[in-house]
Amino acid sequence: KMRIKLSSRIGFAIHADSTNLLKTIGMEKTL
């Protein structure tokens, strides 16, 4: 639910080199 509510901000962030940032806040969604 957090990922859905933050989808616009996450979508803006994934275009940059922000893998470590998304991992730090627990918002990465990898296989």
All heavy atoms as atom14 arrays in JSON, in Angstrom:
{
  "sequence": "KMRIKLSSRIGFAIHADSTNLLKTIGMEKTL",
  "atom14_mask": [
    [1, 1, 1, 1, 1, 1, 1, 1, 1, 0, 0, 0, 0, 0],
    [1, 1, 1, 1, 1, 1, 1, 1, 0, 0, 0, 0, 0, 0],
    [1, 1, 1, 1, 1, 1, 1, 1, 1, 1, 1, 0, 0, 0],
    [1, 1, 1, 1, 1, 1, 1, 1, 0, 0, 0, 0, 0, 0],
    [1, 1, 1, 1, 1, 1, 1, 1, 1, 0, 0, 0, 0, 0],
    [1, 1, 1, 1, 1, 1, 1, 1, 0, 0, 0, 0, 0, 0],
    [1, 1, 1, 1, 1, 1, 0, 0, 0, 0, 0, 0, 0, 0],
    [1, 1, 1, 1, 1, 1, 0, 0, 0, 0, 0, 0, 0, 0],
    [1, 1, 1, 1, 1, 1, 1, 1, 1, 1, 1, 0, 0, 0],
    [1, 1, 1, 1, 1, 1, 1, 1, 0, 0, 0, 0, 0, 0],
    [1, 1, 1, 1, 0, 0, 0, 0, 0, 0, 0, 0, 0, 0],
    [1, 1, 1, 1, 1, 1, 1, 1, 1, 1, 1, 0, 0, 0],
    [1, 1, 1, 1, 1, 0, 0, 0, 0, 0, 0, 0, 0, 0],
    [1, 1, 1, 1, 1, 1, 1, 1, 0, 0, 0, 0, 0, 0],
    [1, 1, 1, 1, 1, 1, 1, 1, 1, 1, 0, 0, 0, 0],
    [1, 1, 1, 1, 1, 0, 0, 0, 0, 0, 0, 0, 0, 0],
    [1, 1, 1, 1, 1, 1, 1, 1, 0, 0, 0, 0, 0, 0],
    [1, 1, 1, 1, 1, 1, 0, 0, 0, 0, 0, 0, 0, 0],
    [1, 1, 1, 1, 1, 1, 1, 0, 0, 0, 0, 0, 0, 0],
    [1, 1, 1, 1, 1, 1, 1, 1, 0, 0, 0, 0, 0, 0],
    [1, 1, 1, 1, 1, 1, 1, 1, 0, 0, 0, 0, 0, 0],
    [1, 1, 1, 1, 1, 1, 1, 1, 0, 0, 0, 0, 0, 0],
    [1, 1, 1, 1, 1, 1, 1, 1, 1, 0, 0, 0, 0, 0],
    [1, 1, 1, 1, 1, 1, 1, 0, 0, 0, 0, 0, 0, 0],
    [1, 1, 1, 1, 1, 1, 1, 1, 0, 0, 0, 0, 0, 0],
    [1, 1, 1, 1, 0, 0, 0, 0, 0, 0, 0, 0, 0, 0],
    [1, 1, 1, 1, 1, 1, 1, 1, 0, 0, 0, 0, 0, 0],
    [1, 1, 1, 1, 1, 1, 1, 1, 1, 0, 0, 0, 0, 0],
    [1, 1, 1, 1, 1, 1, 1, 1, 1, 0, 0, 0, 0, 0],
    [1, 1, 1, 1, 1, 1, 1, 0, 0, 0, 0, 0, 0, 0],
    [1, 1, 1, 1, 1, 1, 1, 1, 0, 0, 0, 0, 0, 0]
  ],
  "atom14_positions": [
    [[0.82, -1.2, 0.0], [0.0, 0.0, 0.0], [0.86, 1.26, 0.0], [0.51, 2.26, -0.62], [-0.93, 0.0, 1.21], [-2.02, -1.06, 1.15], [-2.94, -0.95, 2.34], [-4.06, -2.0, 2.25], [-4.98, -1.93, 3.43], [0.0, 0.0, 0.0], [0.0, 0.0, 0.0], [0.0, 0.0, 0.0], [0.0, 0.0, 0.0], [0.0, 0.0, 0.0]],
    [[2.0, 1.21, 0.7], [2.92, 2.33, 0.67], [3.44, 2.56, -0.75], [3.52, 3.7, -1.22], [4.1, 2.08, 1.61], [3.77, 2.21, 3.08], [5.21, 1.82, 4.11], [6.41, 2.98, 3.49], [0.0, 0.0, 0.0], [0.0, 0.0, 0.0], [0.0, 0.0, 0.0], [0.0, 0.0, 0.0], [0.0, 0.0, 0.0], [0.0, 0.0, 0.0]],
    [[3.76, 1.48, -1.43], [4.29, 1.6, -2.78], [3.24, 2.2, -3.72], [3.56, 2.97, -4.63], [4.75, 0.24, -3.29], [5.54, 0.3, -4.58], [6.04, -1.06, -5.0], [7.15, -1.46, -4.16], [7.07, -2.43, -3.25], [5.95, -3.09, -3.09], [8.11, -2.76, -2.52], [0.0, 0.0, 0.0], [0.0, 0.0, 0.0], [0.0, 0.0, 0.0]],
    [[1.97, 1.85, -3.51], [0.91, 2.4, -4.35], [0.72, 3.9, -4.07], [0.58, 4.71, -5.0], [-0.41, 1.64, -4.1], [-0.28, 0.2, -4.61], [-1.58, 2.33, -4.79], [-1.45, -0.68, -4.26], [0.0, 0.0, 0.0], [0.0, 0.0, 0.0], [0.0, 0.0, 0.0], [0.0, 0.0, 0.0], [0.0, 0.0, 0.0], [0.0, 0.0, 0.0]],
    [[0.72, 4.28, -2.8], [0.54, 5.69, -2.46], [1.73, 6.55, -2.89], [1.56, 7.74, -3.19], [0.32, 5.83, -0.96], [-1.03, 5.29, -0.49], [-1.25, 5.57, 0.99], [-2.62, 5.1, 1.43], [-2.9, 5.41, 2.86], [0.0, 0.0, 0.0], [0.0, 0.0, 0.0], [0.0, 0.0, 0.0], [0.0, 0.0, 0.0], [0.0, 0.0, 0.0]],
    [[2.91, 5.97, -2.92], [4.11, 6.71, -3.3], [4.52, 6.44, -4.74], [5.67, 6.68, -5.12], [5.28, 6.35, -2.37], [5.09, 6.64, -0.89], [6.28, 6.11, -0.09], [4.91, 8.13, -0.64], [0.0, 0.0, 0.0], [0.0, 0.0, 0.0], [0.0, 0.0, 0.0], [0.0, 0.0, 0.0], [0.0, 0.0, 0.0], [0.0, 0.0, 0.0]],
    [[3.59, 5.92, -5.55], [3.95, 5.49, -6.9], [4.49, 6.64, -7.75], [5.43, 6.44, -8.54], [2.73, 4.86, -7.57], [1.65, 5.77, -7.62], [0.0, 0.0, 0.0], [0.0, 0.0, 0.0], [0.0, 0.0, 0.0], [0.0, 0.0, 0.0], [0.0, 0.0, 0.0], [0.0, 0.0, 0.0], [0.0, 0.0, 0.0], [0.0, 0.0, 0.0]],
    [[3.91, 7.84, -7.61], [4.38, 8.95, -8.43], [5.8, 9.35, -8.06], [6.64, 9.6, -8.93], [3.43, 10.15, -8.27], [3.39, 10.58, -6.93], [0.0, 0.0, 0.0], [0.0, 0.0, 0.0], [0.0, 0.0, 0.0], [0.0, 0.0, 0.0], [0.0, 0.0, 0.0], [0.0, 0.0, 0.0], [0.0, 0.0, 0.0], [0.0, 0.0, 0.0]],
    [[6.09, 9.41, -6.76], [7.44, 9.77, -6.33], [8.45, 8.67, -6.67], [9.57, 8.96, -7.09], [7.46, 10.03, -4.81], [6.69, 11.27, -4.39], [6.83, 11.51, -2.9], [6.14, 12.71, -2.46], [6.67, 13.92, -2.45], [7.91, 14.09, -2.87], [5.97, 14.96, -2.01], [0.0, 0.0, 0.0], [0.0, 0.0, 0.0], [0.0, 0.0, 0.0]],
    [[8.04, 7.42, -6.5], [8.94, 6.31, -6.83], [9.19, 6.26, -8.33], [10.31, 6.03, -8.79], [8.37, 4.98, -6.31], [8.31, 4.99, -4.78], [9.19, 3.81, -6.8], [7.64, 3.77, -4.19], [0.0, 0.0, 0.0], [0.0, 0.0, 0.0], [0.0, 0.0, 0.0], [0.0, 0.0, 0.0], [0.0, 0.0, 0.0], [0.0, 0.0, 0.0]],
    [[8.12, 6.49, -9.11], [8.28, 6.51, -10.56], [9.23, 7.59, -11.03], [9.97, 7.42, -12.0], [0.0, 0.0, 0.0], [0.0, 0.0, 0.0], [0.0, 0.0, 0.0], [0.0, 0.0, 0.0], [0.0, 0.0, 0.0], [0.0, 0.0, 0.0], [0.0, 0.0, 0.0], [0.0, 0.0, 0.0], [0.0, 0.0, 0.0], [0.0, 0.0, 0.0]],
    [[9.23, 8.74, -10.34], [10.17, 9.8, -10.68], [11.59, 9.42, -10.27], [12.56, 9.76, -10.95], [9.75, 11.09, -9.97], [10.46, 12.32, -10.46], [9.99, 13.03, -11.54], [11.6, 12.77, -9.81], [10.65, 14.16, -11.99], [12.27, 13.9, -10.24], [11.78, 14.6, -11.34], [0.0, 0.0, 0.0], [0.0, 0.0, 0.0], [0.0, 0.0, 0.0]],
    [[11.72, 8.67, -9.18], [13.06, 8.34, -8.65], [13.74, 7.24, -9.44], [14.97, 7.24, -9.56], [12.95, 7.94, -7.19], [0.0, 0.0, 0.0], [0.0, 0.0, 0.0], [0.0, 0.0, 0.0], [0.0, 0.0, 0.0], [0.0, 0.0, 0.0], [0.0, 0.0, 0.0], [0.0, 0.0, 0.0], [0.0, 0.0, 0.0], [0.0, 0.0, 0.0]],
    [[12.97, 6.29, -9.98], [13.6, 5.13, -10.62], [14.3, 5.52, -11.92], [15.12, 4.73, -12.42], [12.59, 4.02, -10.9], [11.46, 4.52, -11.81], [12.01, 3.48, -9.6], [10.47, 3.44, -12.19], [0.0, 0.0, 0.0], [0.0, 0.0, 0.0], [0.0, 0.0, 0.0], [0.0, 0.0, 0.0], [0.0, 0.0, 0.0], [0.0, 0.0, 0.0]],
    [[14.01, 6.7, -12.48], [14.72, 7.12, -13.69], [16.14, 7.56, -13.37], [16.96, 7.66, -14.29], [13.96, 8.26, -14.37], [12.67, 7.83, -15.0], [12.59, 7.34, -16.28], [11.41, 7.78, -14.51], [11.34, 7.03, -16.57], [10.61, 7.3, -15.5], [0.0, 0.0, 0.0], [0.0, 0.0, 0.0], [0.0, 0.0, 0.0], [0.0, 0.0, 0.0]],
    [[16.43, 7.85, -12.12], [17.79, 8.2, -11.7], [18.47, 6.97, -11.11], [17.87, 5.89, -10.99], [17.74, 9.34, -10.67], [0.0, 0.0, 0.0], [0.0, 0.0, 0.0], [0.0, 0.0, 0.0], [0.0, 0.0, 0.0], [0.0, 0.0, 0.0], [0.0, 0.0, 0.0], [0.0, 0.0, 0.0], [0.0, 0.0, 0.0], [0.0, 0.0, 0.0]],
    [[19.72, 7.12, -10.74], [20.47, 6.03, -10.1], [20.14, 6.03, -8.61], [20.95, 6.43, -7.77], [21.98, 6.21, -10.33], [22.32, 6.21, -11.82], [21.65, 5.47, -12.55], [23.24, 6.93, -12.23], [0.0, 0.0, 0.0], [0.0, 0.0, 0.0], [0.0, 0.0, 0.0], [0.0, 0.0, 0.0], [0.0, 0.0, 0.0], [0.0, 0.0, 0.0]],
    [[18.93, 5.56, -8.29], [18.43, 5.65, -6.93], [18.16, 4.28, -6.32], [17.31, 4.15, -5.44], [17.15, 6.48, -6.91], [16.18, 5.93, -7.79], [0.0, 0.0, 0.0], [0.0, 0.0, 0.0], [0.0, 0.0, 0.0], [0.0, 0.0, 0.0], [0.0, 0.0, 0.0], [0.0, 0.0, 0.0], [0.0, 0.0, 0.0], [0.0, 0.0, 0.0]],
    [[18.86, 3.24, -6.79], [18.62, 1.89, -6.27], [18.91, 1.81, -4.78], [18.13, 1.24, -4.0], [19.49, 0.87, -7.02], [19.21, 0.97, -8.42], [19.19, -0.54, -6.56], [0.0, 0.0, 0.0], [0.0, 0.0, 0.0], [0.0, 0.0, 0.0], [0.0, 0.0, 0.0], [0.0, 0.0, 0.0], [0.0, 0.0, 0.0], [0.0, 0.0, 0.0]],
    [[20.03, 2.4, -4.35], [20.39, 2.35, -2.94], [19.4, 3.13, -2.09], [19.06, 2.73, -0.96], [21.8, 2.91, -2.75], [22.3, 2.74, -1.33], [22.32, 1.63, -0.81], [22.7, 3.84, -0.7], [0.0, 0.0, 0.0], [0.0, 0.0, 0.0], [0.0, 0.0, 0.0], [0.0, 0.0, 0.0], [0.0, 0.0, 0.0], [0.0, 0.0, 0.0]],
    [[18.89, 4.26, -2.6], [17.91, 5.05, -1.86], [16.62, 4.26, -1.66], [16.07, 4.22, -0.55], [17.61, 6.35, -2.62], [16.46, 7.21, -2.08], [16.78, 7.73, -0.69], [16.17, 8.36, -3.03], [0.0, 0.0, 0.0], [0.0, 0.0, 0.0], [0.0, 0.0, 0.0], [0.0, 0.0, 0.0], [0.0, 0.0, 0.0], [0.0, 0.0, 0.0]],
    [[16.13, 3.61, -2.7], [14.9, 2.83, -2.58], [15.09, 1.64, -1.65], [14.16, 1.24, -0.94], [14.44, 2.37, -3.96], [14.04, 3.48, -4.94], [13.69, 2.9, -6.3], [12.88, 4.29, -4.38], [0.0, 0.0, 0.0], [0.0, 0.0, 0.0], [0.0, 0.0, 0.0], [0.0, 0.0, 0.0], [0.0, 0.0, 0.0], [0.0, 0.0, 0.0]],
    [[16.27, 1.05, -1.65], [16.54, -0.05, -0.72], [16.56, 0.45, 0.72], [16.08, -0.22, 1.63], [17.88, -0.71, -1.06], [17.83, -1.64, -2.26], [19.17, -2.31, -2.45], [19.12, -3.3, -3.62], [20.44, -3.97, -3.83], [0.0, 0.0, 0.0], [0.0, 0.0, 0.0], [0.0, 0.0, 0.0], [0.0, 0.0, 0.0], [0.0, 0.0, 0.0]],
    [[17.11, 1.64, 0.93], [17.22, 2.18, 2.28], [15.85, 2.42, 2.9], [15.63, 2.15, 4.09], [18.03, 3.48, 2.26], [19.32, 3.24, 1.69], [18.2, 4.04, 3.66], [0.0, 0.0, 0.0], [0.0, 0.0, 0.0], [0.0, 0.0, 0.0], [0.0, 0.0, 0.0], [0.0, 0.0, 0.0], [0.0, 0.0, 0.0], [0.0, 0.0, 0.0]],
    [[14.9, 2.92, 2.1], [13.57, 3.18, 2.64], [12.63, 2.0, 2.44], [11.44, 2.07, 2.77], [12.96, 4.44, 1.97], [12.78, 4.22, 0.47], [13.82, 5.65, 2.25], [12.12, 5.4, -0.23], [0.0, 0.0, 0.0], [0.0, 0.0, 0.0], [0.0, 0.0, 0.0], [0.0, 0.0, 0.0], [0.0, 0.0, 0.0], [0.0, 0.0, 0.0]],
    [[13.16, 0.89, 1.9], [12.37, -0.32, 1.76], [11.32, -0.28, 0.68], [10.3, -0.97, 0.78], [0.0, 0.0, 0.0], [0.0, 0.0, 0.0], [0.0, 0.0, 0.0], [0.0, 0.0, 0.0], [0.0, 0.0, 0.0], [0.0, 0.0, 0.0], [0.0, 0.0, 0.0], [0.0, 0.0, 0.0], [0.0, 0.0, 0.0], [0.0, 0.0, 0.0]],
    [[11.56, 0.49, -0.37], [10.58, 0.64, -1.43], [11.01, -0.02, -2.72], [10.36, 0.16, -3.75], [10.3, 2.12, -1.69], [9.46, 2.8, -0.64], [7.75, 2.23, -0.62], [7.78, 1.09, 0.77], [0.0, 0.0, 0.0], [0.0, 0.0, 0.0], [0.0, 0.0, 0.0], [0.0, 0.0, 0.0], [0.0, 0.0, 0.0], [0.0, 0.0, 0.0]],
    [[12.11, -0.79, -2.72], [12.49, -1.46, -3.95], [11.62, -2.69, -4.16], [11.15, -3.31, -3.2], [13.98, -1.83, -3.91], [14.31, -3.17, -3.26], [14.29, -3.12, -1.76], [13.9, -2.07, -1.21], [14.65, -4.12, -1.13], [0.0, 0.0, 0.0], [0.0, 0.0, 0.0], [0.0, 0.0, 0.0], [0.0, 0.0, 0.0], [0.0, 0.0, 0.0]],
    [[11.4, -3.03, -5.4], [10.6, -4.21, -5.73], [11.33, -4.99, -6.81], [11.1, -4.84, -7.99], [9.21, -3.81, -6.22], [8.24, -4.98, -6.36], [6.85, -4.51, -6.72], [5.88, -5.69, -6.77], [4.51, -5.25, -7.13], [0.0, 0.0, 0.0], [0.0, 0.0, 0.0], [0.0, 0.0, 0.0], [0.0, 0.0, 0.0], [0.0, 0.0, 0.0]],
    [[12.25, -5.85, -6.35], [13.07, -6.63, -7.26], [12.71, -8.1, -7.15], [12.07, -8.54, -6.2], [14.56, -6.44, -6.93], [14.8, -6.87, -5.57], [14.97, -4.98, -7.07], [0.0, 0.0, 0.0], [0.0, 0.0, 0.0], [0.0, 0.0, 0.0], [0.0, 0.0, 0.0], [0.0, 0.0, 0.0], [0.0, 0.0, 0.0], [0.0, 0.0, 0.0]],
    [[13.14, -8.87, -8.14], [12.85, -10.3, -8.14], [13.51, -10.99, -6.96], [12.93, -11.89, -6.33], [13.32, -10.93, -9.46], [13.08, -12.43, -9.62], [11.59, -12.73, -9.56], [13.67, -12.92, -10.94], [0.0, 0.0, 0.0], [0.0, 0.0, 0.0], [0.0, 0.0, 0.0], [0.0, 0.0, 0.0], [0.0, 0.0, 0.0], [0.0, 0.0, 0.0]]
  ]
}
